[in-house]
Amino acid sequence: MITEFPQRITIDGFVYERKSAHNNAMYYDSKDNPSEITSRFISLYPNGELTYLWDGLELKWNKQFEVVKEIAN
């Protein structure tokens, strides 16, 4: 169970940055991913589930994500 949403995650090697909260989830966007479908409005839920928006529908995205660790100065 996710208790604090990470600032950055990777999915399939693309970096996604945290944007805004909605319902119980957090939106993430990627500047790296060239896909019009899976580069924006990716939702990460507290149970680790990922979804994406397509044509007004929220669809389950059966992918794994990794947290990008921040390096302390």
PDB file of N, CA and C in Angstrom:
ATOM      1  N   MET A   1       0.842  -1.179   0.000  1.00  0.00           N
ATOM      2  CA  MET A   1       0.000   0.000   0.000  1.00  0.00           C
ATOM      3  C   MET A   1       0.888   1.244   0.000  1.00  0.00           C
ATOM      4  N   ILE A   2       0.622   2.148  -0.908  1.00  0.00           N
ATOM      5  CA  ILE A   2       1.381   3.394  -1.001  1.00  0.00           C
ATOM      6  C   ILE A   2       0.785   4.401  -0.026  1.00  0.00           C
ATOM      7  N   THR A   3       1.623   4.935   0.859  1.00  0.00           N
ATOM      8  CA  THR A   3       1.145   5.927   1.817  1.00  0.00           C
ATOM      9  C   THR A   3       1.543   7.346   1.404  1.00  0.00           C
ATOM     10  N   GLU A   4       2.616   7.456   0.618  1.00  0.00           N
ATOM     11  CA  GLU A   4       3.050   8.751   0.088  1.00  0.00           C
ATOM     12  C   GLU A   4       3.444   8.549  -1.371  1.00  0.00           C
ATOM     13  N   PHE A   5       2.838   9.299  -2.266  1.00  0.00           N
ATOM     14  CA  PHE A   5       3.119   9.132  -3.688  1.00  0.00           C
ATOM     15  C   PHE A   5       4.489   9.706  -4.034  1.00  0.00           C
ATOM     16  N   PRO A   6       5.301   8.946  -4.771  1.00  0.00           N
ATOM     17  CA  PRO A   6       6.638   9.422  -5.122  1.00  0.00           C
ATOM     18  C   PRO A   6       6.581  10.571  -6.127  1.00  0.00           C
ATOM     19  N   GLN A   7       7.640  11.385  -6.128  1.00  0.00           N
ATOM     20  CA  GLN A   7       7.737  12.511  -7.062  1.00  0.00           C
ATOM     21  C   GLN A   7       7.919  12.001  -8.493  1.00  0.00           C
ATOM     22  N   ARG A   8       8.748  10.968  -8.657  1.00  0.00           N
ATOM     23  CA  ARG A   8       9.027  10.424  -9.996  1.00  0.00           C
ATOM     24  C   ARG A   8       8.953   8.900  -9.961  1.00  0.00           C
ATOM     25  N   ILE A   9       8.418   8.347 -11.060  1.00  0.00           N
ATOM     26  CA  ILE A   9       8.404   6.897 -11.250  1.00  0.00           C
ATOM     27  C   ILE A   9       8.849   6.603 -12.677  1.00  0.00           C
ATOM     28  N   THR A  10       9.244   5.358 -12.912  1.00  0.00           N
ATOM     29  CA  THR A  10       9.508   4.929 -14.287  1.00  0.00           C
ATOM     30  C   THR A  10       8.573   3.778 -14.633  1.00  0.00           C
ATOM     31  N   ILE A  11       8.137   3.780 -15.886  1.00  0.00           N
ATOM     32  CA  ILE A  11       7.333   2.702 -16.450  1.00  0.00           C
ATOM     33  C   ILE A  11       7.923   2.425 -17.820  1.00  0.00           C
ATOM     34  N   ASP A  12       8.340   1.190 -18.047  1.00  0.00           N
ATOM     35  CA  ASP A  12       8.964   0.803 -19.326  1.00  0.00           C
ATOM     36  C   ASP A  12      10.128   1.711 -19.708  1.00  0.00           C
ATOM     37  N   GLY A  13      10.878   2.196 -18.705  1.00  0.00           N
ATOM     38  CA  GLY A  13      12.045   3.023 -18.975  1.00  0.00           C
ATOM     39  C   GLY A  13      11.746   4.499 -19.155  1.00  0.00           C
ATOM     40  N   PHE A  14      10.494   4.892 -19.184  1.00  0.00           N
ATOM     41  CA  PHE A  14      10.114   6.300 -19.315  1.00  0.00           C
ATOM     42  C   PHE A  14       9.900   6.907 -17.928  1.00  0.00           C
ATOM     43  N   VAL A  15      10.373   8.131 -17.732  1.00  0.00           N
ATOM     44  CA  VAL A  15      10.221   8.822 -16.461  1.00  0.00           C
ATOM     45  C   VAL A  15       8.895   9.572 -16.452  1.00  0.00           C
ATOM     46  N   TYR A  16       8.157   9.416 -15.363  1.00  0.00           N
ATOM     47  CA  TYR A  16       6.881  10.109 -15.157  1.00  0.00           C
ATOM     48  C   TYR A  16       7.003  10.963 -13.906  1.00  0.00           C
ATOM     49  N   GLU A  17       6.508  12.201 -13.982  1.00  0.00           N
ATOM     50  CA  GLU A  17       6.557  13.112 -12.847  1.00  0.00           C
ATOM     51  C   GLU A  17       5.170  13.317 -12.265  1.00  0.00           C
ATOM     52  N   ARG A  18       5.127  13.401 -10.944  1.00  0.00           N
ATOM     53  CA  ARG A  18       3.865  13.604 -10.234  1.00  0.00           C
ATOM     54  C   ARG A  18       3.283  14.966 -10.608  1.00  0.00           C
ATOM     55  N   LYS A  19       1.966  14.986 -10.834  1.00  0.00           N
ATOM     56  CA  LYS A  19       1.295  16.232 -11.211  1.00  0.00           C
ATOM     57  C   LYS A  19       0.275  16.663 -10.167  1.00  0.00           C
ATOM     58  N   SER A  20      -0.851  16.004 -10.096  1.00  0.00           N
ATOM     59  CA  SER A  20      -1.899  16.433  -9.165  1.00  0.00           C
ATOM     60  C   SER A  20      -2.690  15.238  -8.657  1.00  0.00           C
ATOM     61  N   ALA A  21      -3.291  15.442  -7.503  1.00  0.00           N
ATOM     62  CA  ALA A  21      -4.103  14.381  -6.902  1.00  0.00           C
ATOM     63  C   ALA A  21      -5.510  14.417  -7.471  1.00  0.00           C
ATOM     64  N   HIS A  22      -6.121  13.248  -7.552  1.00  0.00           N
ATOM     65  CA  HIS A  22      -7.537  13.148  -7.915  1.00  0.00           C
ATOM     66  C   HIS A  22      -8.099  11.901  -7.255  1.00  0.00           C
ATOM     67  N   ASN A  23      -9.272  12.051  -6.659  1.00  0.00           N
ATOM     68  CA  ASN A  23      -9.889  10.955  -5.903  1.00  0.00           C
ATOM     69  C   ASN A  23      -8.858  10.377  -4.938  1.00  0.00           C
ATOM     70  N   ASN A  24      -8.583   9.079  -5.013  1.00  0.00           N
ATOM     71  CA  ASN A  24      -7.589   8.451  -4.138  1.00  0.00           C
ATOM     72  C   ASN A  24      -6.234   8.303  -4.809  1.00  0.00           C
ATOM     73  N   ALA A  25      -6.098   8.800  -6.029  1.00  0.00           N
ATOM     74  CA  ALA A  25      -4.900   8.549  -6.826  1.00  0.00           C
ATOM     75  C   ALA A  25      -4.097   9.820  -7.068  1.00  0.00           C
ATOM     76  N   MET A  26      -2.971   9.640  -7.785  1.00  0.00           N
ATOM     77  CA  MET A  26      -2.125  10.752  -8.193  1.00  0.00           C
ATOM     78  C   MET A  26      -1.899  10.657  -9.697  1.00  0.00           C
ATOM     79  N   TYR A  27      -2.039  11.794 -10.382  1.00  0.00           N
ATOM     80  CA  TYR A  27      -1.743  11.853 -11.815  1.00  0.00           C
ATOM     81  C   TYR A  27      -0.244  11.995 -12.026  1.00  0.00           C
ATOM     82  N   TYR A  28       0.239  11.331 -13.088  1.00  0.00           N
ATOM     83  CA  TYR A  28       1.627  11.440 -13.529  1.00  0.00           C
ATOM     84  C   TYR A  28       1.645  11.673 -15.033  1.00  0.00           C
ATOM     85  N   ASP A  29       2.634  12.478 -15.492  1.00  0.00           N
ATOM     86  CA  ASP A  29       2.849  12.727 -16.914  1.00  0.00           C
ATOM     87  C   ASP A  29       4.307  12.441 -17.251  1.00  0.00           C
ATOM     88  N   SER A  30       4.558  12.103 -18.524  1.00  0.00           N
ATOM     89  CA  SER A  30       5.920  11.843 -18.984  1.00  0.00           C
ATOM     90  C   SER A  30       6.247  12.721 -20.178  1.00  0.00           C
ATOM     91  N   LYS A  31       7.422  13.350 -20.128  1.00  0.00           N
ATOM     92  CA  LYS A  31       7.924  14.095 -21.280  1.00  0.00           C
ATOM     93  C   LYS A  31       8.726  13.172 -22.196  1.00  0.00           C
ATOM     94  N   ASP A  32       9.121  12.007 -21.679  1.00  0.00           N
ATOM     95  CA  ASP A  32       9.945  11.051 -22.427  1.00  0.00           C
ATOM     96  C   ASP A  32       9.122  10.144 -23.339  1.00  0.00           C
ATOM     97  N   ASN A  33       7.941   9.761 -22.899  1.00  0.00           N
ATOM     98  CA  ASN A  33       7.130   8.789 -23.622  1.00  0.00           C
ATOM     99  C   ASN A  33       6.469   9.471 -24.823  1.00  0.00           C
ATOM    100  N   PRO A  34       6.741   8.981 -26.056  1.00  0.00           N
ATOM    101  CA  PRO A  34       6.171   9.612 -27.245  1.00  0.00           C
ATOM    102  C   PRO A  34       4.695   9.264 -27.494  1.00  0.00           C
ATOM    103  N   SER A  35       4.133   8.345 -26.746  1.00  0.00           N
ATOM    104  CA  SER A  35       2.755   7.906 -26.959  1.00  0.00           C
ATOM    105  C   SER A  35       1.761   8.990 -26.551  1.00  0.00           C
ATOM    106  N   GLU A  36       0.811   9.277 -27.417  1.00  0.00           N
ATOM    107  CA  GLU A  36      -0.244  10.229 -27.072  1.00  0.00           C
ATOM    108  C   GLU A  36      -1.171   9.660 -26.004  1.00  0.00           C
ATOM    109  N   ILE A  37      -1.239   8.354 -25.913  1.00  0.00           N
ATOM    110  CA  ILE A  37      -2.173   7.701 -24.994  1.00  0.00           C
ATOM    111  C   ILE A  37      -1.589   7.548 -23.593  1.00  0.00           C
ATOM    112  N   THR A  38      -0.354   7.081 -23.505  1.00  0.00           N
ATOM    113  CA  THR A  38       0.207   6.750 -22.186  1.00  0.00           C
ATOM    114  C   THR A  38       1.290   7.717 -21.708  1.00  0.00           C
ATOM    115  N   SER A  39       1.322   8.919 -22.255  1.00  0.00           N
ATOM    116  CA  SER A  39       2.305   9.898 -21.772  1.00  0.00           C
ATOM    117  C   SER A  39       1.691  10.895 -20.795  1.00  0.00           C
ATOM    118  N   ARG A  40       0.345  10.947 -20.727  1.00  0.00           N
ATOM    119  CA  ARG A  40      -0.320  11.913 -19.855  1.00  0.00           C
ATOM    120  C   ARG A  40      -1.454  11.250 -19.082  1.00  0.00           C
ATOM    121  N   PHE A  41      -1.747  11.814 -17.931  1.00  0.00           N
ATOM    122  CA  PHE A  41      -2.868  11.370 -17.098  1.00  0.00           C
ATOM    123  C   PHE A  41      -2.796   9.894 -16.712  1.00  0.00           C
ATOM    124  N   ILE A  42      -1.588   9.471 -16.354  1.00  0.00           N
ATOM    125  CA  ILE A  42      -1.418   8.136 -15.785  1.00  0.00           C
ATOM    126  C   ILE A  42      -1.756   8.251 -14.308  1.00  0.00           C
ATOM    127  N   SER A  43      -2.606   7.387 -13.815  1.00  0.00           N
ATOM    128  CA  SER A  43      -2.994   7.420 -12.407  1.00  0.00           C
ATOM    129  C   SER A  43      -2.333   6.279 -11.655  1.00  0.00           C
ATOM    130  N   LEU A  44      -1.772   6.614 -10.502  1.00  0.00           N
ATOM    131  CA  LEU A  44      -1.220   5.622  -9.586  1.00  0.00           C
ATOM    132  C   LEU A  44      -2.097   5.631  -8.344  1.00  0.00           C
ATOM    133  N   TYR A  45      -2.644   4.468  -8.010  1.00  0.00           N
ATOM    134  CA  TYR A  45      -3.523   4.320  -6.851  1.00  0.00           C
ATOM    135  C   TYR A  45      -2.739   3.769  -5.660  1.00  0.00           C
ATOM    136  N   PRO A  46      -3.235   3.973  -4.446  1.00  0.00           N
ATOM    137  CA  PRO A  46      -2.526   3.491  -3.254  1.00  0.00           C
ATOM    138  C   PRO A  46      -2.233   1.992  -3.258  1.00  0.00           C
ATOM    139  N   ASN A  47      -3.040   1.200  -3.960  1.00  0.00           N
ATOM    140  CA  ASN A  47      -2.801  -0.243  -4.030  1.00  0.00           C
ATOM    141  C   ASN A  47      -1.764  -0.613  -5.091  1.00  0.00           C
ATOM    142  N   GLY A  48      -1.164   0.389  -5.765  1.00  0.00           N
ATOM    143  CA  GLY A  48      -0.141   0.148  -6.777  1.00  0.00           C
ATOM    144  C   GLY A  48      -0.691  -0.006  -8.180  1.00  0.00           C
ATOM    145  N   GLU A  49      -2.003   0.066  -8.330  1.00  0.00           N
ATOM    146  CA  GLU A  49      -2.613  -0.080  -9.651  1.00  0.00           C
ATOM    147  C   GLU A  49      -2.359   1.170 -10.494  1.00  0.00           C
ATOM    148  N   LEU A  50      -2.054   0.941 -11.785  1.00  0.00           N
ATOM    149  CA  LEU A  50      -1.869   2.019 -12.743  1.00  0.00           C
ATOM    150  C   LEU A  50      -3.042   2.031 -13.722  1.00  0.00           C
ATOM    151  N   THR A  51      -3.496   3.226 -14.080  1.00  0.00           N
ATOM    152  CA  THR A  51      -4.521   3.370 -15.112  1.00  0.00           C
ATOM    153  C   THR A  51      -4.102   4.503 -16.037  1.00  0.00           C
ATOM    154  N   TYR A  52      -4.729   4.539 -17.220  1.00  0.00           N
ATOM    155  CA  TYR A  52      -4.519   5.644 -18.154  1.00  0.00           C
ATOM    156  C   TYR A  52      -5.867   6.060 -18.722  1.00  0.00           C
ATOM    157  N   LEU A  53      -5.941   7.307 -19.177  1.00  0.00           N
ATOM    158  CA  LEU A  53      -7.171   7.815 -19.770  1.00  0.00           C
ATOM    159  C   LEU A  53      -7.087   7.719 -21.286  1.00  0.00           C
ATOM    160  N   TRP A  54      -8.137   7.202 -21.893  1.00  0.00           N
ATOM    161  CA  TRP A  54      -8.201   7.133 -23.343  1.00  0.00           C
ATOM    162  C   TRP A  54      -9.648   7.356 -23.769  1.00  0.00           C
ATOM    163  N   ASP A  55      -9.846   8.386 -24.555  1.00  0.00           N
ATOM    164  CA  ASP A  55     -11.165   8.691 -25.100  1.00  0.00           C
ATOM    165  C   ASP A  55     -12.216   8.825 -23.995  1.00  0.00           C
ATOM    166  N   GLY A  56     -11.809   9.442 -22.889  1.00  0.00           N
ATOM    167  CA  GLY A  56     -12.729   9.681 -21.780  1.00  0.00           C
ATOM    168  C   GLY A  56     -12.931   8.508 -20.835  1.00  0.00           C
ATOM    169  N   LEU A  57     -12.257   7.389 -21.091  1.00  0.00           N
ATOM    170  CA  LEU A  57     -12.380   6.206 -20.246  1.00  0.00           C
ATOM    171  C   LEU A  57     -11.097   5.981 -19.456  1.00  0.00           C
ATOM    172  N   GLU A  58     -11.238   5.600 -18.206  1.00  0.00           N
ATOM    173  CA  GLU A  58     -10.075   5.230 -17.396  1.00  0.00           C
ATOM    174  C   GLU A  58      -9.890   3.722 -17.503  1.00  0.00           C
ATOM    175  N   LEU A  59      -8.762   3.320 -18.068  1.00  0.00           N
ATOM    176  CA  LEU A  59      -8.492   1.907 -18.334  1.00  0.00           C
ATOM    177  C   LEU A  59      -7.334   1.410 -17.488  1.00  0.00           C
ATOM    178  N   LYS A  60      -7.442   0.177 -17.010  1.00  0.00           N
ATOM    179  CA  LYS A  60      -6.377  -0.436 -16.215  1.00  0.00           C
ATOM    180  C   LYS A  60      -5.162  -0.651 -17.119  1.00  0.00           C
ATOM    181  N   TRP A  61      -3.988  -0.311 -16.591  1.00  0.00           N
ATOM    182  CA  TRP A  61      -2.740  -0.463 -17.334  1.00  0.00           C
ATOM    183  C   TRP A  61      -1.907  -1.499 -16.602  1.00  0.00           C
ATOM    184  N   ASN A  62      -1.804  -2.665 -17.164  1.00  0.00           N
ATOM    185  CA  ASN A  62      -1.105  -3.782 -16.523  1.00  0.00           C
ATOM    186  C   ASN A  62       0.407  -3.650 -16.672  1.00  0.00           C
ATOM    187  N   LYS A  63       0.952  -2.652 -16.022  1.00  0.00           N
ATOM    188  CA  LYS A  63       2.388  -2.388 -16.043  1.00  0.00           C
ATOM    189  C   LYS A  63       2.900  -2.318 -14.615  1.00  0.00           C
ATOM    190  N   GLN A  64       4.195  -2.482 -14.482  1.00  0.00           N
ATOM    191  CA  GLN A  64       4.879  -2.308 -13.200  1.00  0.00           C
ATOM    192  C   GLN A  64       5.591  -0.962 -13.233  1.00  0.00           C
ATOM    193  N   PHE A  65       5.727  -0.333 -12.088  1.00  0.00           N
ATOM    194  CA  PHE A  65       6.458   0.924 -12.010  1.00  0.00           C
ATOM    195  C   PHE A  65       7.576   0.783 -10.996  1.00  0.00           C
ATOM    196  N   GLU A  66       8.557   1.671 -11.115  1.00  0.00           N
ATOM    197  CA  GLU A  66       9.645   1.753 -10.146  1.00  0.00           C
ATOM    198  C   GLU A  66       9.754   3.189  -9.687  1.00  0.00           C
ATOM    199  N   VAL A  67      10.066   3.373  -8.426  1.00  0.00           N
ATOM    200  CA  VAL A  67      10.247   4.703  -7.867  1.00  0.00           C
ATOM    201  C   VAL A  67      11.645   5.193  -8.222  1.00  0.00           C
ATOM    202  N   VAL A  68      11.753   6.428  -8.714  1.00  0.00           N
ATOM    203  CA  VAL A  68      13.049   7.049  -8.965  1.00  0.00           C
ATOM    204  C   VAL A  68      13.506   7.658  -7.652  1.00  0.00           C
ATOM    205  N   LYS A  69      14.608   7.149  -7.139  1.00  0.00           N
ATOM    206  CA  LYS A  69      15.135   7.626  -5.854  1.00  0.00           C
ATOM    207  C   LYS A  69      15.770   8.998  -6.029  1.00  0.00           C
ATOM    208  N   GLU A  70      15.439   9.901  -5.124  1.00  0.00           N
ATOM    209  CA  GLU A  70      16.031  11.232  -5.118  1.00  0.00           C
ATOM    210  C   GLU A  70      17.375  11.156  -4.394  1.00  0.00           C
ATOM    211  N   ILE A  71      18.367  11.820  -4.938  1.00  0.00           N
ATOM    212  CA  ILE A  71      19.691  11.850  -4.313  1.00  0.00           C
ATOM    213  C   ILE A  71      19.785  13.082  -3.440  1.00  0.00           C
ATOM    214  N   ALA A  72      20.088  12.864  -2.168  1.00  0.00           N
ATOM    215  CA  ALA A  72      20.215  13.981  -1.227  1.00  0.00           C
ATOM    216  C   ALA A  72      21.509  14.721  -1.466  1.00  0.00           C
ATOM    217  N   ASN A  73      21.467  16.030  -1.315  1.00  0.00           N
ATOM    218  CA  ASN A  73      22.678  16.852  -1.494  1.00  0.00           C
ATOM    219  C   ASN A  73      23.500  16.892  -0.239  1.00  0.00           C
TER     220      ASN A  73
END
